[in-house]
Structures are given as structure tokens and as C-alpha cells.
Amino acid sequence: MDYIDFFYNRLTQLRLEKGVSSRDMSLSLGQSESYINKIENRRTLPSLTGFFFICEYFGISPSEFFNTDNQSPVSANHLLSEIQKLSNEHSEHILQIVKDINALTN
């Protein structure tokens, strides 16, 4: 796997999923307005600290960022957060629905 290409593509995917512009994300990270644009256009890579701030911005861990099995870690974390608020019985119902949907798509 080419992790450099993966990094650029994943950052763009997560940003679009969050529905935020590269400018707004850059400013939210305390960077210049072109910071994320330069990364997404493959002109630079963030520092390790910058990468940690990017992950924090999305509410994911660095391992979730690179987890290719989880196409949408931001949504998955949000879903898990909501499921944790449910009773055990309701959580089991949600789990069964997800299993049924996965069975249909595989």
C-alpha cells in the first residue's frame, strides 16, 4: 500500500464526510487558510503533531485514520456513541439490523 497516497485521499475523504471546507478546517486547526489545501494537493505533509491535531479534529485516533477496513471512522464513532446510550435490548436490535444489512450487501 502506498501510505502517502492513502494519507492524502483519506484526509480529503474525511473532510468531505464532515462537510467542511479545507479553509475552514485549516482555520479550525489554527493554521493558515491554505494549510489543508496544500496537504490535499500533495504539496506538503503535516508534522506528526499536525497529524495528531487533524485526527483530534475528526474525533478519531491515528490508528482509525489508517484503518482501511473502516471506510468511515467518524460516522462509526458517532454511531457507537449513540448506541452506547441505548439499553442492552435496543443495542442488540441495532446489532441485528447491521448484521442483516451486511448480509444483504455481501
PDB file of N, CA and C in Angstrom:
ATOM      1  N   MET A   1       0.844  -1.181   0.000  1.00  0.00           N
ATOM      2  CA  MET A   1       0.000   0.000   0.000  1.00  0.00           C
ATOM      3  C   MET A   1       0.888   1.242   0.000  1.00  0.00           C
ATOM      4  N   ASP A   2       0.503   2.187  -0.791  1.00  0.00           N
ATOM      5  CA  ASP A   2       1.202   3.467  -0.814  1.00  0.00           C
ATOM      6  C   ASP A   2       0.566   4.370   0.246  1.00  0.00           C
ATOM      7  N   TYR A   3       1.214   4.469   1.400  1.00  0.00           N
ATOM      8  CA  TYR A   3       0.641   5.212   2.520  1.00  0.00           C
ATOM      9  C   TYR A   3       0.582   6.714   2.265  1.00  0.00           C
ATOM     10  N   ILE A   4       1.468   7.218   1.439  1.00  0.00           N
ATOM     11  CA  ILE A   4       1.444   8.649   1.140  1.00  0.00           C
ATOM     12  C   ILE A   4       0.159   8.984   0.374  1.00  0.00           C
ATOM     13  N   ASP A   5      -0.115   8.236  -0.704  1.00  0.00           N
ATOM     14  CA  ASP A   5      -1.358   8.459  -1.451  1.00  0.00           C
ATOM     15  C   ASP A   5      -2.570   8.211  -0.569  1.00  0.00           C
ATOM     16  N   PHE A   6      -2.506   7.143   0.231  1.00  0.00           N
ATOM     17  CA  PHE A   6      -3.617   6.848   1.130  1.00  0.00           C
ATOM     18  C   PHE A   6      -3.874   8.031   2.054  1.00  0.00           C
ATOM     19  N   PHE A   7      -2.807   8.611   2.590  1.00  0.00           N
ATOM     20  CA  PHE A   7      -2.952   9.732   3.523  1.00  0.00           C
ATOM     21  C   PHE A   7      -3.702  10.888   2.876  1.00  0.00           C
ATOM     22  N   TYR A   8      -3.250  11.289   1.703  1.00  0.00           N
ATOM     23  CA  TYR A   8      -3.894  12.408   1.011  1.00  0.00           C
ATOM     24  C   TYR A   8      -5.367  12.118   0.742  1.00  0.00           C
ATOM     25  N   ASN A   9      -5.646  10.922   0.228  1.00  0.00           N
ATOM     26  CA  ASN A   9      -7.023  10.556  -0.109  1.00  0.00           C
ATOM     27  C   ASN A   9      -7.904  10.453   1.129  1.00  0.00           C
ATOM     28  N   ARG A  10      -7.360   9.878   2.200  1.00  0.00           N
ATOM     29  CA  ARG A  10      -8.136   9.701   3.431  1.00  0.00           C
ATOM     30  C   ARG A  10      -8.483  11.058   4.046  1.00  0.00           C
ATOM     31  N   LEU A  11      -7.528  11.964   4.069  1.00  0.00           N
ATOM     32  CA  LEU A  11      -7.774  13.294   4.607  1.00  0.00           C
ATOM     33  C   LEU A  11      -8.913  13.971   3.845  1.00  0.00           C
ATOM     34  N   THR A  12      -8.856  13.911   2.541  1.00  0.00           N
ATOM     35  CA  THR A  12      -9.904  14.519   1.723  1.00  0.00           C
ATOM     36  C   THR A  12     -11.255  13.852   1.985  1.00  0.00           C
ATOM     37  N   GLN A  13     -11.266  12.527   2.033  1.00  0.00           N
ATOM     38  CA  GLN A  13     -12.490  11.782   2.277  1.00  0.00           C
ATOM     39  C   GLN A  13     -13.116  12.186   3.609  1.00  0.00           C
ATOM     40  N   LEU A  14     -12.311  12.221   4.657  1.00  0.00           N
ATOM     41  CA  LEU A  14     -12.824  12.553   5.983  1.00  0.00           C
ATOM     42  C   LEU A  14     -13.324  13.996   6.053  1.00  0.00           C
ATOM     43  N   ARG A  15     -12.606  14.878   5.395  1.00  0.00           N
ATOM     44  CA  ARG A  15     -13.019  16.288   5.395  1.00  0.00           C
ATOM     45  C   ARG A  15     -14.358  16.455   4.683  1.00  0.00           C
ATOM     46  N   LEU A  16     -14.498  15.811   3.530  1.00  0.00           N
ATOM     47  CA  LEU A  16     -15.749  15.902   2.782  1.00  0.00           C
ATOM     48  C   LEU A  16     -16.902  15.256   3.556  1.00  0.00           C
ATOM     49  N   GLU A  17     -16.602  14.151   4.203  1.00  0.00           N
ATOM     50  CA  GLU A  17     -17.618  13.480   5.012  1.00  0.00           C
ATOM     51  C   GLU A  17     -18.102  14.385   6.142  1.00  0.00           C
ATOM     52  N   LYS A  18     -17.187  15.155   6.697  1.00  0.00           N
ATOM     53  CA  LYS A  18     -17.549  16.083   7.766  1.00  0.00           C
ATOM     54  C   LYS A  18     -18.282  17.313   7.216  1.00  0.00           C
ATOM     55  N   GLY A  19     -18.159  17.533   5.905  1.00  0.00           N
ATOM     56  CA  GLY A  19     -18.868  18.636   5.268  1.00  0.00           C
ATOM     57  C   GLY A  19     -18.251  19.990   5.556  1.00  0.00           C
ATOM     58  N   VAL A  20     -16.942  20.035   5.629  1.00  0.00           N
ATOM     59  CA  VAL A  20     -16.245  21.279   5.941  1.00  0.00           C
ATOM     60  C   VAL A  20     -15.269  21.605   4.807  1.00  0.00           C
ATOM     61  N   SER A  21     -15.086  22.872   4.552  1.00  0.00           N
ATOM     62  CA  SER A  21     -14.135  23.277   3.507  1.00  0.00           C
ATOM     63  C   SER A  21     -12.714  23.139   4.034  1.00  0.00           C
ATOM     64  N   SER A  22     -11.770  23.054   3.114  1.00  0.00           N
ATOM     65  CA  SER A  22     -10.368  22.965   3.522  1.00  0.00           C
ATOM     66  C   SER A  22      -9.951  24.239   4.257  1.00  0.00           C
ATOM     67  N   ARG A  23     -10.489  25.369   3.843  1.00  0.00           N
ATOM     68  CA  ARG A  23     -10.179  26.640   4.502  1.00  0.00           C
ATOM     69  C   ARG A  23     -10.676  26.638   5.947  1.00  0.00           C
ATOM     70  N   ASP A  24     -11.939  26.255   6.136  1.00  0.00           N
ATOM     71  CA  ASP A  24     -12.495  26.243   7.487  1.00  0.00           C
ATOM     72  C   ASP A  24     -11.756  25.257   8.387  1.00  0.00           C
ATOM     73  N   MET A  25     -11.408  24.096   7.831  1.00  0.00           N
ATOM     74  CA  MET A  25     -10.669  23.116   8.621  1.00  0.00           C
ATOM     75  C   MET A  25      -9.305  23.666   9.015  1.00  0.00           C
ATOM     76  N   SER A  26      -8.636  24.280   8.070  1.00  0.00           N
ATOM     77  CA  SER A  26      -7.316  24.864   8.343  1.00  0.00           C
ATOM     78  C   SER A  26      -7.396  25.875   9.482  1.00  0.00           C
ATOM     79  N   LEU A  27      -8.366  26.761   9.394  1.00  0.00           N
ATOM     80  CA  LEU A  27      -8.513  27.794  10.420  1.00  0.00           C
ATOM     81  C   LEU A  27      -8.901  27.189  11.771  1.00  0.00           C
ATOM     82  N   SER A  28      -9.713  26.138  11.753  1.00  0.00           N
ATOM     83  CA  SER A  28     -10.090  25.461  12.997  1.00  0.00           C
ATOM     84  C   SER A  28      -8.891  24.808  13.665  1.00  0.00           C
ATOM     85  N   LEU A  29      -7.921  24.426  12.855  1.00  0.00           N
ATOM     86  CA  LEU A  29      -6.697  23.816  13.386  1.00  0.00           C
ATOM     87  C   LEU A  29      -5.678  24.872  13.812  1.00  0.00           C
ATOM     88  N   GLY A  30      -6.019  26.136  13.621  1.00  0.00           N
ATOM     89  CA  GLY A  30      -5.107  27.211  13.991  1.00  0.00           C
ATOM     90  C   GLY A  30      -3.983  27.418  12.990  1.00  0.00           C
ATOM     91  N   GLN A  31      -4.243  27.045  11.753  1.00  0.00           N
ATOM     92  CA  GLN A  31      -3.233  27.148  10.702  1.00  0.00           C
ATOM     93  C   GLN A  31      -3.656  28.210   9.693  1.00  0.00           C
ATOM     94  N   SER A  32      -2.780  28.441   8.723  1.00  0.00           N
ATOM     95  CA  SER A  32      -3.130  29.369   7.647  1.00  0.00           C
ATOM     96  C   SER A  32      -4.289  28.785   6.855  1.00  0.00           C
ATOM     97  N   GLU A  33      -5.020  29.630   6.155  1.00  0.00           N
ATOM     98  CA  GLU A  33      -6.214  29.174   5.458  1.00  0.00           C
ATOM     99  C   GLU A  33      -5.924  28.173   4.342  1.00  0.00           C
ATOM    100  N   SER A  34      -4.678  28.077   3.882  1.00  0.00           N
ATOM    101  CA  SER A  34      -4.340  27.154   2.794  1.00  0.00           C
ATOM    102  C   SER A  34      -3.673  25.865   3.287  1.00  0.00           C
ATOM    103  N   TYR A  35      -3.562  25.680   4.597  1.00  0.00           N
ATOM    104  CA  TYR A  35      -2.851  24.534   5.182  1.00  0.00           C
ATOM    105  C   TYR A  35      -3.378  23.199   4.659  1.00  0.00           C
ATOM    106  N   ILE A  36      -4.662  22.943   4.799  1.00  0.00           N
ATOM    107  CA  ILE A  36      -5.233  21.661   4.379  1.00  0.00           C
ATOM    108  C   ILE A  36      -5.213  21.545   2.860  1.00  0.00           C
ATOM    109  N   ASN A  37      -5.464  22.633   2.158  1.00  0.00           N
ATOM    110  CA  ASN A  37      -5.409  22.623   0.699  1.00  0.00           C
ATOM    111  C   ASN A  37      -4.036  22.179   0.216  1.00  0.00           C
ATOM    112  N   LYS A  38      -2.991  22.668   0.832  1.00  0.00           N
ATOM    113  CA  LYS A  38      -1.624  22.288   0.433  1.00  0.00           C
ATOM    114  C   LYS A  38      -1.375  20.809   0.688  1.00  0.00           C
ATOM    115  N   ILE A  39      -1.925  20.293   1.777  1.00  0.00           N
ATOM    116  CA  ILE A  39      -1.765  18.867   2.059  1.00  0.00           C
ATOM    117  C   ILE A  39      -2.542  18.040   1.046  1.00  0.00           C
ATOM    118  N   GLU A  40      -3.812  18.380   0.838  1.00  0.00           N
ATOM    119  CA  GLU A  40      -4.642  17.610  -0.084  1.00  0.00           C
ATOM    120  C   GLU A  40      -4.141  17.671  -1.523  1.00  0.00           C
ATOM    121  N   ASN A  41      -3.483  18.745  -1.883  1.00  0.00           N
ATOM    122  CA  ASN A  41      -2.936  18.874  -3.235  1.00  0.00           C
ATOM    123  C   ASN A  41      -1.501  18.365  -3.338  1.00  0.00           C
ATOM    124  N   ARG A  42      -1.094  17.632  -2.314  1.00  0.00           N
ATOM    125  CA  ARG A  42       0.180  16.894  -2.301  1.00  0.00           C
ATOM    126  C   ARG A  42       1.407  17.794  -2.383  1.00  0.00           C
ATOM    127  N   ARG A  43       1.278  18.994  -1.856  1.00  0.00           N
ATOM    128  CA  ARG A  43       2.425  19.893  -1.829  1.00  0.00           C
ATOM    129  C   ARG A  43       3.222  19.770  -0.545  1.00  0.00           C
ATOM    130  N   THR A  44       2.590  19.188   0.492  1.00  0.00           N
ATOM    131  CA  THR A  44       3.264  19.050   1.779  1.00  0.00           C
ATOM    132  C   THR A  44       2.584  17.957   2.583  1.00  0.00           C
ATOM    133  N   LEU A  45       3.221  17.551   3.647  1.00  0.00           N
ATOM    134  CA  LEU A  45       2.637  16.647   4.634  1.00  0.00           C
ATOM    135  C   LEU A  45       2.663  17.357   5.981  1.00  0.00           C
ATOM    136  N   PRO A  46       1.719  17.058   6.849  1.00  0.00           N
ATOM    137  CA  PRO A  46       1.751  17.699   8.167  1.00  0.00           C
ATOM    138  C   PRO A  46       2.862  17.095   9.025  1.00  0.00           C
ATOM    139  N   SER A  47       3.263  17.834  10.022  1.00  0.00           N
ATOM    140  CA  SER A  47       4.186  17.274  11.012  1.00  0.00           C
ATOM    141  C   SER A  47       3.429  16.207  11.797  1.00  0.00           C
ATOM    142  N   LEU A  48       4.129  15.456  12.603  1.00  0.00           N
ATOM    143  CA  LEU A  48       3.470  14.457  13.435  1.00  0.00           C
ATOM    144  C   LEU A  48       2.461  15.123  14.370  1.00  0.00           C
ATOM    145  N   THR A  49       2.849  16.241  14.949  1.00  0.00           N
ATOM    146  CA  THR A  49       1.931  16.986  15.810  1.00  0.00           C
ATOM    147  C   THR A  49       0.721  17.459  15.017  1.00  0.00           C
ATOM    148  N   GLY A  50       0.949  17.942  13.801  1.00  0.00           N
ATOM    149  CA  GLY A  50      -0.144  18.367  12.939  1.00  0.00           C
ATOM    150  C   GLY A  50      -1.091  17.220  12.624  1.00  0.00           C
ATOM    151  N   PHE A  51      -0.523  16.046  12.389  1.00  0.00           N
ATOM    152  CA  PHE A  51      -1.341  14.862  12.122  1.00  0.00           C
ATOM    153  C   PHE A  51      -2.208  14.524  13.332  1.00  0.00           C
ATOM    154  N   PHE A  52      -1.637  14.610  14.526  1.00  0.00           N
ATOM    155  CA  PHE A  52      -2.421  14.339  15.737  1.00  0.00           C
ATOM    156  C   PHE A  52      -3.568  15.341  15.880  1.00  0.00           C
ATOM    157  N   PHE A  53      -3.310  16.602  15.562  1.00  0.00           N
ATOM    158  CA  PHE A  53      -4.375  17.606  15.628  1.00  0.00           C
ATOM    159  C   PHE A  53      -5.459  17.336  14.584  1.00  0.00           C
ATOM    160  N   ILE A  54      -5.058  16.861  13.408  1.00  0.00           N
ATOM    161  CA  ILE A  54      -6.027  16.504  12.372  1.00  0.00           C
ATOM    162  C   ILE A  54      -6.917  15.365  12.864  1.00  0.00           C
ATOM    163  N   CYS A  55      -6.313  14.346  13.449  1.00  0.00           N
ATOM    164  CA  CYS A  55      -7.095  13.225  13.983  1.00  0.00           C
ATOM    165  C   CYS A  55      -8.040  13.704  15.082  1.00  0.00           C
ATOM    166  N   GLU A  56      -7.541  14.558  15.948  1.00  0.00           N
ATOM    167  CA  GLU A  56      -8.376  15.105  17.021  1.00  0.00           C
ATOM    168  C   GLU A  56      -9.547  15.900  16.433  1.00  0.00           C
ATOM    169  N   TYR A  57      -9.284  16.645  15.386  1.00  0.00           N
ATOM    170  CA  TYR A  57     -10.331  17.425  14.719  1.00  0.00           C
ATOM    171  C   TYR A  57     -11.460  16.516  14.238  1.00  0.00           C
ATOM    172  N   PHE A  58     -11.104  15.347  13.703  1.00  0.00           N
ATOM    173  CA  PHE A  58     -12.105  14.411  13.211  1.00  0.00           C
ATOM    174  C   PHE A  58     -12.683  13.538  14.325  1.00  0.00           C
ATOM    175  N   GLY A  59     -12.075  13.572  15.495  1.00  0.00           N
ATOM    176  CA  GLY A  59     -12.555  12.746  16.597  1.00  0.00           C
ATOM    177  C   GLY A  59     -12.193  11.281  16.436  1.00  0.00           C
ATOM    178  N   ILE A  60     -11.041  11.030  15.809  1.00  0.00           N
ATOM    179  CA  ILE A  60     -10.589   9.659  15.596  1.00  0.00           C
ATOM    180  C   ILE A  60      -9.148   9.522  16.084  1.00  0.00           C
ATOM    181  N   SER A  61      -8.730   8.293  16.264  1.00  0.00           N
ATOM    182  CA  SER A  61      -7.345   8.026  16.657  1.00  0.00           C
ATOM    183  C   SER A  61      -6.484   7.888  15.398  1.00  0.00           C
ATOM    184  N   PRO A  62      -5.172   8.010  15.541  1.00  0.00           N
ATOM    185  CA  PRO A  62      -4.308   7.792  14.371  1.00  0.00           C
ATOM    186  C   PRO A  62      -4.494   6.402  13.762  1.00  0.00           C
ATOM    187  N   SER A  63      -4.708   5.389  14.595  1.00  0.00           N
ATOM    188  CA  SER A  63      -4.915   4.047  14.032  1.00  0.00           C
ATOM    189  C   SER A  63      -6.222   3.981  13.242  1.00  0.00           C
ATOM    190  N   GLU A  64      -7.248   4.707  13.680  1.00  0.00           N
ATOM    191  CA  GLU A  64      -8.501   4.739  12.922  1.00  0.00           C
ATOM    192  C   GLU A  64      -8.305   5.457  11.586  1.00  0.00           C
ATOM    193  N   PHE A  65      -7.454   6.454  11.576  1.00  0.00           N
ATOM    194  CA  PHE A  65      -7.169   7.163  10.328  1.00  0.00           C
ATOM    195  C   PHE A  65      -6.623   6.196   9.281  1.00  0.00           C
ATOM    196  N   PHE A  66      -5.726   5.297   9.712  1.00  0.00           N
ATOM    197  CA  PHE A  66      -5.077   4.378   8.771  1.00  0.00           C
ATOM    198  C   PHE A  66      -5.774   3.032   8.641  1.00  0.00           C
ATOM    199  N   ASN A  67      -6.880   2.831   9.336  1.00  0.00           N
ATOM    200  CA  ASN A  67      -7.603   1.560   9.268  1.00  0.00           C
ATOM    201  C   ASN A  67      -8.398   1.494   7.974  1.00  0.00           C
ATOM    202  N   THR A  68      -7.909   0.719   7.019  1.00  0.00           N
ATOM    203  CA  THR A  68      -8.563   0.623   5.714  1.00  0.00           C
ATOM    204  C   THR A  68      -9.847  -0.194   5.763  1.00  0.00           C
ATOM    205  N   ASP A  69     -10.059  -0.955   6.837  1.00  0.00           N
ATOM    206  CA  ASP A  69     -11.291  -1.736   6.971  1.00  0.00           C
ATOM    207  C   ASP A  69     -12.466  -0.864   7.393  1.00  0.00           C
ATOM    208  N   ASN A  70     -12.181   0.294   7.932  1.00  0.00           N
ATOM    209  CA  ASN A  70     -13.234   1.201   8.393  1.00  0.00           C
ATOM    210  C   ASN A  70     -13.279   2.385   7.435  1.00  0.00           C
ATOM    211  N   GLN A  71     -14.205   2.335   6.505  1.00  0.00           N
ATOM    212  CA  GLN A  71     -14.294   3.376   5.484  1.00  0.00           C
ATOM    213  C   GLN A  71     -14.720   4.724   6.037  1.00  0.00           C
ATOM    214  N   SER A  72     -15.429   4.701   7.160  1.00  0.00           N
ATOM    215  CA  SER A  72     -15.964   5.944   7.700  1.00  0.00           C
ATOM    216  C   SER A  72     -15.812   5.989   9.220  1.00  0.00           C
ATOM    217  N   PRO A  73     -14.587   6.198   9.698  1.00  0.00           N
ATOM    218  CA  PRO A  73     -14.377   6.161  11.152  1.00  0.00           C
ATOM    219  C   PRO A  73     -15.118   7.249  11.919  1.00  0.00           C
ATOM    220  N   VAL A  74     -15.323   8.395  11.316  1.00  0.00           N
ATOM    221  CA  VAL A  74     -16.044   9.470  12.000  1.00  0.00           C
ATOM    222  C   VAL A  74     -17.490   9.041  12.237  1.00  0.00           C
ATOM    223  N   SER A  75     -18.138   8.516  11.205  1.00  0.00           N
ATOM    224  CA  SER A  75     -19.518   8.044  11.339  1.00  0.00           C
ATOM    225  C   SER A  75     -19.603   6.852  12.279  1.00  0.00           C
ATOM    226  N   ALA A  76     -18.628   5.957  12.203  1.00  0.00           N
ATOM    227  CA  ALA A  76     -18.631   4.789  13.083  1.00  0.00           C
ATOM    228  C   ALA A  76     -18.525   5.209  14.545  1.00  0.00           C
ATOM    229  N   ASN A  77     -17.672   6.164  14.835  1.00  0.00           N
ATOM    230  CA  ASN A  77     -17.543   6.652  16.215  1.00  0.00           C
ATOM    231  C   ASN A  77     -18.817   7.339  16.680  1.00  0.00           C
ATOM    232  N   HIS A  78     -19.442   8.086  15.793  1.00  0.00           N
ATOM    233  CA  HIS A  78     -20.697   8.761  16.138  1.00  0.00           C
ATOM    234  C   HIS A  78     -21.792   7.716  16.398  1.00  0.00           C
ATOM    235  N   LEU A  79     -21.866   6.707  15.546  1.00  0.00           N
ATOM    236  CA  LEU A  79     -22.850   5.645  15.720  1.00  0.00           C
ATOM    237  C   LEU A  79     -22.625   4.916  17.038  1.00  0.00           C
ATOM    238  N   LEU A  80     -21.380   4.582  17.336  1.00  0.00           N
ATOM    239  CA  LEU A  80     -21.062   3.903  18.594  1.00  0.00           C
ATOM    240  C   LEU A  80     -21.457   4.762  19.787  1.00  0.00           C
ATOM    241  N   SER A  81     -21.204   6.040  19.718  1.00  0.00           N
ATOM    242  CA  SER A  81     -21.564   6.949  20.797  1.00  0.00           C
ATOM    243  C   SER A  81     -23.068   6.938  21.050  1.00  0.00           C
ATOM    244  N   GLU A  82     -23.834   6.929  19.983  1.00  0.00           N
ATOM    245  CA  GLU A  82     -25.291   6.907  20.121  1.00  0.00           C
ATOM    246  C   GLU A  82     -25.783   5.552  20.629  1.00  0.00           C
ATOM    247  N   ILE A  83     -25.191   4.469  20.150  1.00  0.00           N
ATOM    248  CA  ILE A  83     -25.598   3.128  20.583  1.00  0.00           C
ATOM    249  C   ILE A  83     -25.320   2.936  22.071  1.00  0.00           C
ATOM    250  N   GLN A  84     -24.245   3.507  22.565  1.00  0.00           N
ATOM    251  CA  GLN A  84     -23.901   3.370  23.979  1.00  0.00           C
ATOM    252  C   GLN A  84     -24.944   3.993  24.893  1.00  0.00           C
ATOM    253  N   LYS A  85     -25.760   4.852  24.365  1.00  0.00           N
ATOM    254  CA  LYS A  85     -26.818   5.494  25.152  1.00  0.00           C
ATOM    255  C   LYS A  85     -28.065   4.607  25.252  1.00  0.00           C
ATOM    256  N   LEU A  86     -28.128   3.561  24.441  1.00  0.00           N
ATOM    257  CA  LEU A  86     -29.304   2.698  24.390  1.00  0.00           C
ATOM    258  C   LEU A  86     -29.252   1.605  25.452  1.00  0.00           C
ATOM    259  N   SER A  87     -30.411   1.032  25.717  1.00  0.00           N
ATOM    260  CA  SER A  87     -30.460  -0.135  26.605  1.00  0.00           C
ATOM    261  C   SER A  87     -29.803  -1.309  25.885  1.00  0.00           C
ATOM    262  N   ASN A  88     -29.464  -2.335  26.636  1.00  0.00           N
ATOM    263  CA  ASN A  88     -28.855  -3.521  26.052  1.00  0.00           C
ATOM    264  C   ASN A  88     -29.777  -4.148  25.007  1.00  0.00           C
ATOM    265  N   GLU A  89     -31.056  -4.180  25.298  1.00  0.00           N
ATOM    266  CA  GLU A  89     -32.030  -4.769  24.376  1.00  0.00           C
ATOM    267  C   GLU A  89     -32.061  -3.992  23.049  1.00  0.00           C
ATOM    268  N   HIS A  90     -32.098  -2.684  23.138  1.00  0.00           N
ATOM    269  CA  HIS A  90     -32.113  -1.878  21.917  1.00  0.00           C
ATOM    270  C   HIS A  90     -30.793  -1.993  21.157  1.00  0.00           C
ATOM    271  N   SER A  91     -29.696  -2.064  21.889  1.00  0.00           N
ATOM    272  CA  SER A  91     -28.392  -2.243  21.235  1.00  0.00           C
ATOM    273  C   SER A  91     -28.350  -3.546  20.451  1.00  0.00           C
ATOM    274  N   GLU A  92     -28.915  -4.600  21.019  1.00  0.00           N
ATOM    275  CA  GLU A  92     -28.959  -5.896  20.339  1.00  0.00           C
ATOM    276  C   GLU A  92     -29.804  -5.816  19.070  1.00  0.00           C
ATOM    277  N   HIS A  93     -30.878  -5.067  19.098  1.00  0.00           N
ATOM    278  CA  HIS A  93     -31.709  -4.873  17.899  1.00  0.00           C
ATOM    279  C   HIS A  93     -30.909  -4.159  16.810  1.00  0.00           C
ATOM    280  N   ILE A  94     -30.196  -3.123  17.195  1.00  0.00           N
ATOM    281  CA  ILE A  94     -29.374  -2.382  16.226  1.00  0.00           C
ATOM    282  C   ILE A  94     -28.307  -3.299  15.641  1.00  0.00           C
ATOM    283  N   LEU A  95     -27.672  -4.092  16.482  1.00  0.00           N
ATOM    284  CA  LEU A  95     -26.650  -5.028  16.017  1.00  0.00           C
ATOM    285  C   LEU A  95     -27.234  -5.988  14.988  1.00  0.00           C
ATOM    286  N   GLN A  96     -28.418  -6.498  15.251  1.00  0.00           N
ATOM    287  CA  GLN A  96     -29.041  -7.429  14.307  1.00  0.00           C
ATOM    288  C   GLN A  96     -29.372  -6.746  12.987  1.00  0.00           C
ATOM    289  N   ILE A  97     -29.827  -5.508  13.042  1.00  0.00           N
ATOM    290  CA  ILE A  97     -30.106  -4.755  11.813  1.00  0.00           C
ATOM    291  C   ILE A  97     -28.834  -4.594  10.991  1.00  0.00           C
ATOM    292  N   VAL A  98     -27.747  -4.238  11.653  1.00  0.00           N
ATOM    293  CA  VAL A  98     -26.468  -4.066  10.948  1.00  0.00           C
ATOM    294  C   VAL A  98     -26.019  -5.385  10.333  1.00  0.00           C
ATOM    295  N   LYS A  99     -26.148  -6.479  11.060  1.00  0.00           N
ATOM    296  CA  LYS A  99     -25.781  -7.796  10.524  1.00  0.00           C
ATOM    297  C   LYS A  99     -26.634  -8.131   9.313  1.00  0.00           C
ATOM    298  N   ASP A 100     -27.924  -7.839   9.371  1.00  0.00           N
ATOM    299  CA  ASP A 100     -28.810  -8.117   8.245  1.00  0.00           C
ATOM    300  C   ASP A 100     -28.423  -7.290   7.012  1.00  0.00           C
ATOM    301  N   ILE A 101     -28.107  -6.027   7.223  1.00  0.00           N
ATOM    302  CA  ILE A 101     -27.692  -5.181   6.100  1.00  0.00           C
ATOM    303  C   ILE A 101     -26.389  -5.680   5.506  1.00  0.00           C
ATOM    304  N   ASN A 102     -25.434  -6.056   6.349  1.00  0.00           N
ATOM    305  CA  ASN A 102     -24.161  -6.589   5.852  1.00  0.00           C
ATOM    306  C   ASN A 102     -24.367  -7.884   5.076  1.00  0.00           C
ATOM    307  N   ALA A 103     -25.274  -8.708   5.526  1.00  0.00           N
ATOM    308  CA  ALA A 103     -25.551  -9.974   4.820  1.00  0.00           C
ATOM    309  C   ALA A 103     -26.129  -9.706   3.433  1.00  0.00           C
ATOM    310  N   LEU A 104     -26.934  -8.663   3.316  1.00  0.00           N
ATOM    311  CA  LEU A 104     -27.527  -8.316   2.021  1.00  0.00           C
ATOM    312  C   LEU A 104     -26.495  -7.759   1.048  1.00  0.00           C
ATOM    313  N   THR A 105     -25.496  -7.062   1.580  1.00  0.00           N
ATOM    314  CA  THR A 105     -24.528  -6.402   0.697  1.00  0.00           C
ATOM    315  C   THR A 105     -23.326  -7.267   0.380  1.00  0.00           C
ATOM    316  N   ASN A 106     -23.172  -8.384   1.059  1.00  0.00           N
ATOM    317  CA  ASN A 106     -22.016  -9.277   0.790  1.00  0.00           C
ATOM    318  C   ASN A 106     -22.394 -10.427  -0.076  1.00  0.00           C
TER     319      ASN A 106
END
